[in-house]
Amino acid sequence: MQFQILGEISSVETFATGSGIREMSRLRKVYGRGRWRKRKGLARVRLADGSIHLAEVHWYEATGIGRKELKIKHLL
């Protein structure tokens, strides 16, 4: 699903780190080594059809690499 984040992500939490991330080997192959964390937060998003919603978004993040693979888990 194509979407754009409008503004900042709030209520950010880390819910998996290191070996707790199932996709760790793939992340390292694609983006490189780093201290990977799986995070979630709330953000206002614009969907491909132009509608704007509040959504829970999840992503992977590592120091020096940044946010990767953002996805919408729930529209609120």
N, C-alpha and C. Protein backbone atom coordinates (compact mmCIF):
# COMPACT_ATOMS: atom_id res chain seq x y z
N MET A 1 0.85 -1.17 0.00
CA MET A 1 0.00 0.00 0.00
C MET A 1 0.89 1.24 0.00
N GLN A 2 0.63 2.13 -0.94
CA GLN A 2 1.39 3.37 -1.01
C GLN A 2 0.79 4.38 -0.04
N PHE A 3 1.63 5.06 0.73
CA PHE A 3 1.16 6.09 1.65
C PHE A 3 2.27 7.08 1.93
N GLN A 4 1.88 8.23 2.46
CA GLN A 4 2.82 9.29 2.80
C GLN A 4 2.55 9.69 4.24
N ILE A 5 3.60 9.84 5.03
CA ILE A 5 3.46 10.26 6.42
C ILE A 5 3.38 11.78 6.45
N LEU A 6 2.37 12.27 7.15
CA LEU A 6 2.17 13.72 7.29
C LEU A 6 2.56 14.10 8.71
N GLY A 7 3.55 14.93 8.88
CA GLY A 7 3.96 15.34 10.23
C GLY A 7 4.88 14.33 10.87
N GLU A 8 4.86 14.32 12.20
CA GLU A 8 5.76 13.47 12.96
C GLU A 8 5.06 12.22 13.46
N ILE A 9 5.83 11.20 13.78
CA ILE A 9 5.31 9.97 14.36
C ILE A 9 5.34 10.14 15.88
N SER A 10 4.21 9.89 16.55
CA SER A 10 4.14 10.06 18.01
C SER A 10 3.98 8.71 18.68
N SER A 11 4.10 8.69 19.99
CA SER A 11 3.94 7.48 20.81
C SER A 11 4.83 6.34 20.30
N VAL A 12 6.08 6.66 20.03
CA VAL A 12 7.01 5.67 19.46
C VAL A 12 7.45 4.68 20.54
N GLU A 13 7.40 3.39 20.22
CA GLU A 13 7.84 2.32 21.12
C GLU A 13 8.72 1.35 20.36
N THR A 14 9.71 0.80 21.04
CA THR A 14 10.49 -0.30 20.50
C THR A 14 9.92 -1.58 21.07
N PHE A 15 9.58 -2.54 20.19
CA PHE A 15 9.02 -3.78 20.71
C PHE A 15 9.81 -5.01 20.34
N ALA A 16 10.91 -4.87 19.60
CA ALA A 16 11.80 -6.00 19.35
C ALA A 16 13.19 -5.45 19.03
N THR A 17 14.23 -6.12 19.53
CA THR A 17 15.61 -5.73 19.23
C THR A 17 16.44 -6.98 18.96
N GLY A 18 17.52 -6.80 18.24
CA GLY A 18 18.49 -7.87 18.01
C GLY A 18 17.88 -9.18 17.56
N SER A 19 18.14 -10.23 18.30
CA SER A 19 17.69 -11.57 17.90
C SER A 19 16.17 -11.73 18.02
N GLY A 20 15.48 -10.78 18.64
CA GLY A 20 14.03 -10.82 18.72
C GLY A 20 13.35 -10.47 17.40
N ILE A 21 14.12 -10.00 16.42
CA ILE A 21 13.59 -9.65 15.11
C ILE A 21 13.77 -10.85 14.19
N ARG A 22 12.67 -11.38 13.69
CA ARG A 22 12.71 -12.57 12.83
C ARG A 22 13.43 -12.32 11.52
N GLU A 23 13.39 -11.10 11.01
CA GLU A 23 13.94 -10.76 9.70
C GLU A 23 15.40 -10.27 9.79
N MET A 24 16.08 -10.52 10.87
CA MET A 24 17.41 -9.95 11.09
C MET A 24 18.40 -10.27 9.97
N SER A 25 18.47 -11.51 9.54
CA SER A 25 19.47 -11.85 8.50
C SER A 25 19.16 -11.13 7.20
N ARG A 26 17.89 -11.00 6.84
CA ARG A 26 17.52 -10.29 5.61
C ARG A 26 17.85 -8.79 5.73
N LEU A 27 17.57 -8.19 6.89
CA LEU A 27 17.88 -6.78 7.08
C LEU A 27 19.38 -6.52 6.93
N ARG A 28 20.19 -7.38 7.51
CA ARG A 28 21.64 -7.21 7.40
C ARG A 28 22.13 -7.38 5.97
N LYS A 29 21.54 -8.32 5.23
CA LYS A 29 21.94 -8.50 3.82
C LYS A 29 21.58 -7.30 2.97
N VAL A 30 20.38 -6.77 3.17
CA VAL A 30 19.88 -5.68 2.33
C VAL A 30 20.47 -4.33 2.73
N TYR A 31 20.50 -4.01 4.03
CA TYR A 31 20.87 -2.67 4.48
C TYR A 31 22.20 -2.59 5.21
N GLY A 32 22.75 -3.72 5.66
CA GLY A 32 24.02 -3.71 6.36
C GLY A 32 23.86 -3.94 7.86
N ARG A 33 25.01 -4.09 8.52
CA ARG A 33 25.01 -4.35 9.96
C ARG A 33 24.64 -3.07 10.70
N GLY A 34 24.01 -3.26 11.82
CA GLY A 34 23.61 -2.14 12.66
C GLY A 34 22.88 -2.67 13.87
N ARG A 35 22.55 -1.78 14.77
CA ARG A 35 21.77 -2.15 15.95
C ARG A 35 20.30 -2.01 15.59
N TRP A 36 19.73 -3.07 15.02
CA TRP A 36 18.37 -3.05 14.49
C TRP A 36 17.33 -3.13 15.59
N ARG A 37 16.28 -2.33 15.43
CA ARG A 37 15.14 -2.33 16.34
C ARG A 37 13.87 -2.31 15.50
N LYS A 38 12.85 -3.02 15.96
CA LYS A 38 11.53 -2.96 15.33
C LYS A 38 10.70 -2.03 16.19
N ARG A 39 10.12 -0.99 15.55
CA ARG A 39 9.44 0.06 16.30
C ARG A 39 8.03 0.29 15.77
N LYS A 40 7.21 0.94 16.60
CA LYS A 40 5.86 1.30 16.17
C LYS A 40 5.49 2.65 16.75
N GLY A 41 4.54 3.30 16.10
CA GLY A 41 4.06 4.60 16.55
C GLY A 41 2.80 5.00 15.83
N LEU A 42 2.26 6.16 16.20
CA LEU A 42 1.05 6.68 15.58
C LEU A 42 1.42 7.84 14.67
N ALA A 43 0.80 7.87 13.48
CA ALA A 43 1.08 8.95 12.53
C ALA A 43 -0.15 9.23 11.69
N ARG A 44 -0.26 10.46 11.24
CA ARG A 44 -1.29 10.82 10.28
C ARG A 44 -0.72 10.50 8.90
N VAL A 45 -1.47 9.73 8.10
CA VAL A 45 -0.98 9.28 6.79
C VAL A 45 -1.96 9.65 5.69
N ARG A 46 -1.42 9.90 4.49
CA ARG A 46 -2.24 10.12 3.30
C ARG A 46 -2.11 8.87 2.44
N LEU A 47 -3.22 8.23 2.16
CA LEU A 47 -3.23 7.02 1.34
C LEU A 47 -3.21 7.38 -0.15
N ALA A 48 -3.04 6.39 -1.01
CA ALA A 48 -2.94 6.61 -2.45
C ALA A 48 -4.21 7.25 -3.02
N ASP A 49 -5.36 7.00 -2.41
CA ASP A 49 -6.61 7.59 -2.90
C ASP A 49 -6.82 9.02 -2.42
N GLY A 50 -5.89 9.56 -1.63
CA GLY A 50 -5.96 10.94 -1.16
C GLY A 50 -6.58 11.11 0.22
N SER A 51 -7.15 10.06 0.78
CA SER A 51 -7.77 10.16 2.10
C SER A 51 -6.69 10.23 3.18
N ILE A 52 -7.01 10.92 4.28
CA ILE A 52 -6.07 11.10 5.39
C ILE A 52 -6.64 10.38 6.61
N HIS A 53 -5.79 9.58 7.26
CA HIS A 53 -6.20 8.79 8.42
C HIS A 53 -5.11 8.83 9.49
N LEU A 54 -5.51 8.55 10.72
CA LEU A 54 -4.56 8.28 11.79
C LEU A 54 -4.29 6.78 11.73
N ALA A 55 -3.03 6.38 11.78
CA ALA A 55 -2.69 4.97 11.62
C ALA A 55 -1.57 4.57 12.57
N GLU A 56 -1.56 3.29 12.91
CA GLU A 56 -0.42 2.70 13.62
C GLU A 56 0.54 2.20 12.55
N VAL A 57 1.77 2.69 12.59
CA VAL A 57 2.78 2.29 11.61
C VAL A 57 3.90 1.53 12.30
N HIS A 58 4.47 0.56 11.61
CA HIS A 58 5.61 -0.22 12.10
C HIS A 58 6.75 -0.04 11.12
N TRP A 59 8.00 -0.10 11.63
CA TRP A 59 9.17 -0.01 10.78
C TRP A 59 10.37 -0.60 11.48
N TYR A 60 11.44 -0.81 10.70
CA TYR A 60 12.73 -1.24 11.23
C TYR A 60 13.63 -0.02 11.23
N GLU A 61 14.51 0.06 12.24
CA GLU A 61 15.39 1.23 12.37
C GLU A 61 16.73 0.80 12.93
N ALA A 62 17.79 1.39 12.40
CA ALA A 62 19.14 1.14 12.94
C ALA A 62 19.91 2.45 12.95
N THR A 63 20.76 2.61 13.94
CA THR A 63 21.60 3.80 14.05
C THR A 63 22.49 3.91 12.82
N GLY A 64 22.52 5.07 12.22
CA GLY A 64 23.36 5.30 11.05
C GLY A 64 22.72 4.84 9.74
N ILE A 65 21.64 4.09 9.81
CA ILE A 65 20.96 3.59 8.61
C ILE A 65 19.61 4.27 8.46
N GLY A 66 18.90 4.44 9.57
CA GLY A 66 17.61 5.14 9.55
C GLY A 66 16.42 4.21 9.49
N ARG A 67 15.25 4.79 9.23
CA ARG A 67 14.00 4.04 9.15
C ARG A 67 13.90 3.32 7.82
N LYS A 68 13.50 2.08 7.86
CA LYS A 68 13.33 1.29 6.65
C LYS A 68 12.03 0.50 6.73
N GLU A 69 11.41 0.30 5.60
CA GLU A 69 10.24 -0.57 5.44
C GLU A 69 9.07 -0.20 6.33
N LEU A 70 8.63 1.05 6.24
CA LEU A 70 7.45 1.48 6.98
C LEU A 70 6.22 0.78 6.43
N LYS A 71 5.32 0.37 7.32
CA LYS A 71 4.06 -0.24 6.88
C LYS A 71 2.96 0.14 7.85
N ILE A 72 1.75 0.20 7.32
CA ILE A 72 0.57 0.50 8.13
C ILE A 72 0.05 -0.80 8.70
N LYS A 73 -0.12 -0.87 10.00
CA LYS A 73 -0.68 -2.04 10.64
C LYS A 73 -2.19 -1.87 10.86
N HIS A 74 -2.62 -0.69 11.31
CA HIS A 74 -4.03 -0.45 11.58
C HIS A 74 -4.38 1.00 11.24
N LEU A 75 -5.53 1.20 10.63
CA LEU A 75 -6.07 2.54 10.51
C LEU A 75 -6.95 2.78 11.72
N LEU A 76 -6.77 3.91 12.38
CA LEU A 76 -7.52 4.20 13.61
C LEU A 76 -8.64 5.21 13.35
